[in-house]
């Protein structure tokens, strides 16, 4: 049997409980897949970061399968983690490193959102959906593709339901923000508003969202609000990770890291730029 290590890469949070949830998630995954050697590292705000996680995993030799526990692919997924993997390949030439795709926006993620929406509507005693607004609230990125994945899920929610307003908002980096979207829905005479966080685990931003919704309840006393949970320990997340690993380790598949062969990444390397080339329109324009 091939000597294989699964390296789960979480984002990391200043809020300790967020990192602890990812550790707990990994422990449950070990129970679900006892034949796998699963280790954990983080992109930031944690003791064991990606470089050290790769080194620890490589000590066992064989094959290291790097699995980003990330919903949307922005700079971390497209640039930073691949750069760390390339460096690890130089340090450990006898080890095979395989990089799996991120979780993404798909039917499994949609199933979680629909379930969270149903629970939130139950909190509101199942109001008339025709005067109930939905706000899908993402983290926000300077990468338009990452933001587009949130928009894609909002569209799918709209098409599978009967709510007249399914809007997106972001907690940072880009717009619109939650307050302005709620203001718009209230002007359109929404009587209830459900906020659906597009987040995997708790952290400082989840706490901020709770405070924002509390403030909105005071600002709009005529509107009922329901705040859904973040995703967490859902069956679909485990199934997606396992699917990503099966696809990436298929011997018949061509193994390419995220952004391998990408002209933007090649331009970044040629010009000595780091992991955020996708954030700069001038760079993108110069290679088109």
Protein backbone atom coordinates (compact mmCIF):
# COMPACT_ATOMS: atom_id res chain seq x y z
CA UNK A 1 0.00 0.00 0.00
CA UNK A 2 1.35 3.45 -0.92
CA UNK A 3 2.71 5.53 1.96
CA UNK A 4 0.30 8.47 1.84
CA UNK A 5 -0.34 11.51 4.02
CA UNK A 6 -3.41 13.71 3.68
CA UNK A 7 -2.51 17.30 4.59
CA UNK A 8 -5.64 19.30 5.34
CA UNK A 9 -5.04 23.05 4.95
CA UNK A 10 -7.38 25.35 6.87
CA UNK A 11 -7.45 29.12 6.55
CA UNK A 12 -6.77 29.90 10.18
CA UNK A 13 -8.42 32.46 12.44
CA UNK A 14 -7.42 34.94 15.13
CA UNK A 15 -10.33 33.44 17.05
CA UNK A 16 -8.87 30.33 18.67
CA UNK A 17 -12.19 28.49 18.57
CA UNK A 18 -12.14 28.64 14.75
CA UNK A 19 -8.86 26.72 14.55
CA UNK A 20 -10.07 24.31 17.22
CA UNK A 21 -13.13 23.54 15.10
CA UNK A 22 -10.89 22.64 12.15
CA UNK A 23 -8.84 20.36 14.41
CA UNK A 24 -12.07 18.72 15.59
CA UNK A 25 -13.24 18.43 11.98
CA UNK A 26 -9.99 16.60 11.13
CA UNK A 27 -10.38 14.28 14.11
CA UNK A 28 -13.88 13.32 12.97
CA UNK A 29 -12.52 12.77 9.48
CA UNK A 30 -9.88 10.40 10.91
CA UNK A 31 -12.69 8.41 12.53
CA UNK A 32 -14.53 8.36 9.23
CA UNK A 33 -11.40 7.31 7.27
CA UNK A 34 -9.25 5.39 9.81
CA UNK A 35 -7.02 4.01 7.06
CA UNK A 36 -5.80 7.52 6.17
CA UNK A 37 -3.02 9.47 7.85
CA UNK A 38 -4.55 12.95 8.13
CA UNK A 39 -2.54 15.95 9.33
CA UNK A 40 -3.56 19.60 9.65
CA UNK A 41 -1.91 22.93 8.98
CA UNK A 42 -3.12 26.50 8.41
CA UNK A 43 -2.48 29.36 6.01
CA UNK A 44 -2.25 31.94 8.81
CA UNK A 45 -3.04 32.71 12.46
CA UNK A 46 -1.91 29.31 13.77
CA UNK A 47 1.11 27.50 15.17
CA UNK A 48 1.58 25.06 12.28
CA UNK A 49 1.52 26.91 8.95
CA UNK A 50 1.67 25.47 5.43
CA UNK A 51 5.46 25.29 5.11
CA UNK A 52 5.85 23.38 8.37
CA UNK A 53 2.82 21.21 7.60
CA UNK A 54 4.36 20.17 4.27
CA UNK A 55 7.68 19.39 5.94
CA UNK A 56 6.04 17.29 8.63
CA UNK A 57 3.99 15.38 6.08
CA UNK A 58 7.02 14.81 3.86
CA UNK A 59 8.96 13.19 6.70
CA UNK A 60 6.91 10.04 6.17
CA UNK A 61 7.97 9.94 2.53
CA UNK A 62 5.80 8.49 -0.21
CA UNK A 63 2.97 10.76 -1.28
CA UNK A 64 1.56 13.95 0.27
CA UNK A 65 -1.96 14.91 -0.83
CA UNK A 66 -2.58 18.58 -0.04
CA UNK A 67 -6.28 19.30 0.50
CA UNK A 68 -7.41 22.94 0.90
CA UNK A 69 -10.34 23.22 3.28
CA UNK A 70 -11.38 26.39 1.48
CA UNK A 71 -14.70 27.32 -0.15
CA UNK A 72 -13.53 29.87 -2.73
CA UNK A 73 -10.28 29.95 -4.71
CA UNK A 74 -8.51 33.29 -4.35
CA UNK A 75 -4.85 34.17 -3.76
CA UNK A 76 -4.24 31.62 -1.01
CA UNK A 77 -5.45 28.71 -3.13
CA UNK A 78 -4.22 29.90 -6.51
CA UNK A 79 -0.82 31.24 -5.55
CA UNK A 80 0.32 30.88 -1.95
CA UNK A 81 -0.24 27.16 -1.35
CA UNK A 82 1.15 26.15 -4.78
CA UNK A 83 4.28 28.21 -4.10
CA UNK A 84 4.79 26.37 -0.80
CA UNK A 85 4.30 23.04 -2.58
CA UNK A 86 6.87 23.94 -5.23
CA UNK A 87 9.38 24.79 -2.51
CA UNK A 88 8.61 21.53 -0.70
CA UNK A 89 9.22 19.60 -3.93
CA UNK A 90 12.70 21.09 -4.05
CA UNK A 91 13.37 20.20 -0.42
CA UNK A 92 11.96 16.67 -0.70
CA UNK A 93 12.55 15.45 -4.28
CA UNK A 94 11.74 11.84 -3.35
CA UNK A 95 8.23 12.77 -2.16
CA UNK A 96 5.27 13.10 -4.54
CA UNK A 97 3.10 16.13 -3.79
CA UNK A 98 -0.45 16.22 -5.15
CA UNK A 99 -2.62 19.32 -4.84
CA UNK A 100 -6.40 18.89 -4.72
CA UNK A 101 -8.91 21.51 -5.89
CA UNK A 102 -10.72 23.63 -3.30
CA UNK A 103 -14.31 22.82 -2.29
CA UNK A 104 -15.91 25.23 -4.75
CA UNK A 105 -19.54 26.02 -5.54
CA UNK A 106 -21.52 22.92 -6.46
CA UNK A 107 -24.61 20.87 -5.70
CA UNK A 108 -23.22 19.59 -2.38
CA UNK A 109 -22.65 23.13 -1.14
CA UNK A 110 -26.11 24.06 -2.43
CA UNK A 111 -27.61 21.22 -0.38
CA UNK A 112 -26.07 22.66 2.80
CA UNK A 113 -27.36 26.14 2.00
CA UNK A 114 -30.86 24.86 1.33
CA UNK A 115 -30.84 22.95 4.62
CA UNK A 116 -29.59 25.98 6.55
CA UNK A 117 -32.24 28.12 4.88
CA UNK A 118 -34.96 25.64 5.87
CA UNK A 119 -33.79 25.71 9.50
CA UNK A 120 -33.75 29.52 9.50
CA UNK A 121 -37.27 29.70 8.06
CA UNK A 122 -38.40 27.29 10.78
CA UNK A 123 -37.04 29.79 13.35
CA UNK A 124 -39.37 32.34 11.78
CA UNK A 125 -42.35 29.92 11.95
CA UNK A 126 -42.32 29.38 8.17
CA UNK A 127 -43.32 32.83 6.90
CA UNK A 128 -44.63 33.57 3.44
CA UNK A 129 -41.57 33.11 1.17
CA UNK A 130 -42.87 35.77 -1.20
CA UNK A 131 -42.12 38.55 1.28
CA UNK A 132 -38.97 36.98 2.75
CA UNK A 133 -35.55 38.11 1.60
CA UNK A 134 -32.40 35.98 1.58
CA UNK A 135 -28.86 37.37 1.88
CA UNK A 136 -25.98 35.02 1.10
CA UNK A 137 -23.06 36.52 3.00
CA UNK A 138 -19.54 35.67 1.86
CA UNK A 139 -16.09 36.61 3.09
CA UNK A 140 -15.23 38.82 0.12
CA UNK A 141 -12.14 38.79 -2.05
CA UNK A 142 -10.27 40.92 -4.58
CA UNK A 143 -10.53 37.86 -6.87
CA UNK A 144 -13.64 38.20 -9.03
CA UNK A 145 -13.83 34.44 -9.63
CA UNK A 146 -14.00 33.77 -5.89
CA UNK A 147 -16.77 36.35 -5.49
CA UNK A 148 -18.50 34.82 -8.52
CA UNK A 149 -18.76 31.48 -6.75
CA UNK A 150 -20.86 33.15 -4.06
CA UNK A 151 -23.03 34.74 -6.75
CA UNK A 152 -23.42 31.34 -8.43
CA UNK A 153 -24.77 29.79 -5.22
CA UNK A 154 -27.17 32.70 -4.73
CA UNK A 155 -28.51 32.19 -8.25
CA UNK A 156 -28.99 28.48 -7.67
CA UNK A 157 -30.84 29.20 -4.43
CA UNK A 158 -33.09 31.65 -6.28
CA UNK A 159 -33.89 29.16 -9.02
CA UNK A 160 -34.71 26.37 -6.57
CA UNK A 161 -36.98 28.49 -4.39
CA UNK A 162 -39.78 31.02 -4.55
CA UNK A 163 -38.13 33.90 -2.68
CA UNK A 164 -38.23 37.11 -4.73
CA UNK A 165 -34.95 38.41 -3.30
CA UNK A 166 -31.82 36.27 -3.03
CA UNK A 167 -28.93 38.70 -2.85
CA UNK A 168 -25.22 38.47 -2.08
CA UNK A 169 -23.21 40.55 0.38
CA UNK A 170 -19.66 40.42 1.69
CA UNK A 171 -18.08 41.06 5.08
CA UNK A 172 -14.99 42.74 3.64
CA UNK A 173 -12.71 43.57 0.68
CA UNK A 174 -15.56 44.07 -1.80
CA UNK A 175 -19.19 45.20 -1.98
CA UNK A 176 -22.10 45.22 -1.36
CA UNK A 177 -22.04 44.88 2.41
CA UNK A 178 -24.79 43.36 4.50
CA UNK A 179 -26.25 46.67 5.70
CA UNK A 180 -26.84 48.07 2.22
CA UNK A 181 -28.42 44.84 0.95
CA UNK A 182 -30.77 44.70 3.93
CA UNK A 183 -31.68 48.36 3.36
CA UNK A 184 -32.61 47.53 -0.24
CA UNK A 185 -34.72 44.52 0.70
CA UNK A 186 -36.55 46.51 3.37
CA UNK A 187 -37.35 49.20 0.78
CA UNK A 188 -38.79 46.43 -1.40
CA UNK A 189 -41.06 45.55 1.56
CA UNK A 190 -39.39 42.39 2.81
CA UNK A 191 -41.08 41.39 6.07
CA UNK A 192 -38.45 38.79 7.04
CA UNK A 193 -34.77 38.51 6.10
CA UNK A 194 -32.62 35.41 6.41
CA UNK A 195 -28.85 35.86 6.51
CA UNK A 196 -26.95 32.78 5.27
CA UNK A 197 -23.21 32.89 6.07
CA UNK A 198 -21.10 31.35 3.29
CA UNK A 199 -18.48 30.24 5.80
CA UNK A 200 -17.06 26.90 6.87
CA UNK A 201 -16.17 27.52 10.53
CA UNK A 202 -16.45 30.08 13.28
CA UNK A 203 -14.01 32.94 13.74
CA UNK A 204 -13.80 36.67 14.21
CA UNK A 205 -15.93 37.34 11.12
CA UNK A 206 -18.74 35.07 12.33
CA UNK A 207 -18.79 37.01 15.59
CA UNK A 208 -18.88 40.25 13.59
CA UNK A 209 -21.84 38.97 11.56
CA UNK A 210 -23.76 38.20 14.76
CA UNK A 211 -23.17 41.75 15.97
CA UNK A 212 -24.22 43.20 12.61
CA UNK A 213 -27.48 41.24 12.58
CA UNK A 214 -28.17 42.34 16.15
CA UNK A 215 -27.71 45.96 15.12
CA UNK A 216 -29.99 45.48 12.10
CA UNK A 217 -32.72 44.09 14.35
CA UNK A 218 -32.60 47.32 16.33
CA UNK A 219 -32.48 49.48 13.20
CA UNK A 220 -35.43 47.70 11.54
CA UNK A 221 -37.79 46.62 14.35
CA UNK A 222 -40.57 46.00 11.82
CA UNK A 223 -38.52 43.24 10.12
CA UNK A 224 -37.85 39.78 11.54
CA UNK A 225 -34.29 38.49 11.06
CA UNK A 226 -32.92 34.97 11.18
CA UNK A 227 -29.20 34.23 11.12
CA UNK A 228 -28.28 30.78 9.86
CA UNK A 229 -25.31 28.78 11.06
CA UNK A 230 -22.06 28.48 9.14
CA UNK A 231 -21.37 25.12 7.48
CA UNK A 232 -19.15 23.24 9.91
CA UNK A 233 -19.27 19.47 10.24
CA UNK A 234 -21.59 18.64 7.38
CA UNK A 235 -21.62 15.29 5.58
CA UNK A 236 -21.34 17.05 2.24
CA UNK A 237 -18.03 18.71 3.21
CA UNK A 238 -16.45 15.37 4.09
CA UNK A 239 -17.84 13.83 0.91
CA UNK A 240 -16.48 16.71 -1.21
CA UNK A 241 -12.99 16.38 0.29
CA UNK A 242 -13.00 12.65 -0.35
CA UNK A 243 -14.16 13.23 -3.91
CA UNK A 244 -11.37 15.76 -4.46
CA UNK A 245 -8.80 13.25 -3.20
CA UNK A 246 -10.13 10.43 -5.38
CA UNK A 247 -10.02 12.64 -8.46
CA UNK A 248 -6.57 14.05 -7.73
CA UNK A 249 -4.97 10.69 -6.99
CA UNK A 250 -6.49 8.87 -9.95
CA UNK A 251 -3.46 7.47 -11.86
CA UNK A 252 -5.24 8.14 -15.15
CA UNK A 253 -5.66 11.85 -14.34
CA UNK A 254 -3.14 14.55 -15.19
CA UNK A 255 -1.96 16.03 -11.92
CA UNK A 256 -1.80 19.82 -12.07
CA UNK A 257 -1.71 22.15 -9.14
CA UNK A 258 -4.20 25.01 -9.08
CA UNK A 259 -2.89 27.59 -11.57
CA UNK A 260 -0.16 25.32 -13.01
CA UNK A 261 0.26 26.62 -16.56
CA UNK A 262 -1.63 29.82 -15.73
CA UNK A 263 -0.25 32.76 -17.72
CA UNK A 264 -0.85 35.10 -14.78
CA UNK A 265 1.18 32.88 -12.47
CA UNK A 266 3.98 32.55 -15.02
CA UNK A 267 4.05 36.34 -15.40
CA UNK A 268 4.21 36.69 -11.61
CA UNK A 269 7.17 34.32 -11.36
CA UNK A 270 9.01 36.02 -14.23
CA UNK A 271 8.63 39.43 -12.62
CA UNK A 272 9.41 38.41 -9.06
CA UNK A 273 5.90 38.99 -7.73
CA UNK A 274 4.34 36.94 -4.96
CA UNK A 275 1.00 35.34 -4.36
CA UNK A 276 -1.42 38.11 -5.26
CA UNK A 277 -0.94 38.70 -8.99
CA UNK A 278 -4.66 38.06 -9.53
CA UNK A 279 -5.39 41.12 -7.41
CA UNK A 280 -3.72 43.51 -9.87
CA UNK A 281 -5.66 44.39 -13.05
CA UNK A 282 -2.57 46.04 -14.52
CA UNK A 283 -0.70 42.76 -14.37
CA UNK A 284 -3.62 40.84 -15.79
CA UNK A 285 -4.02 43.34 -18.62
CA UNK A 286 -0.34 43.14 -19.51
CA UNK A 287 -0.45 39.40 -20.13
CA UNK A 288 -3.69 39.28 -22.09
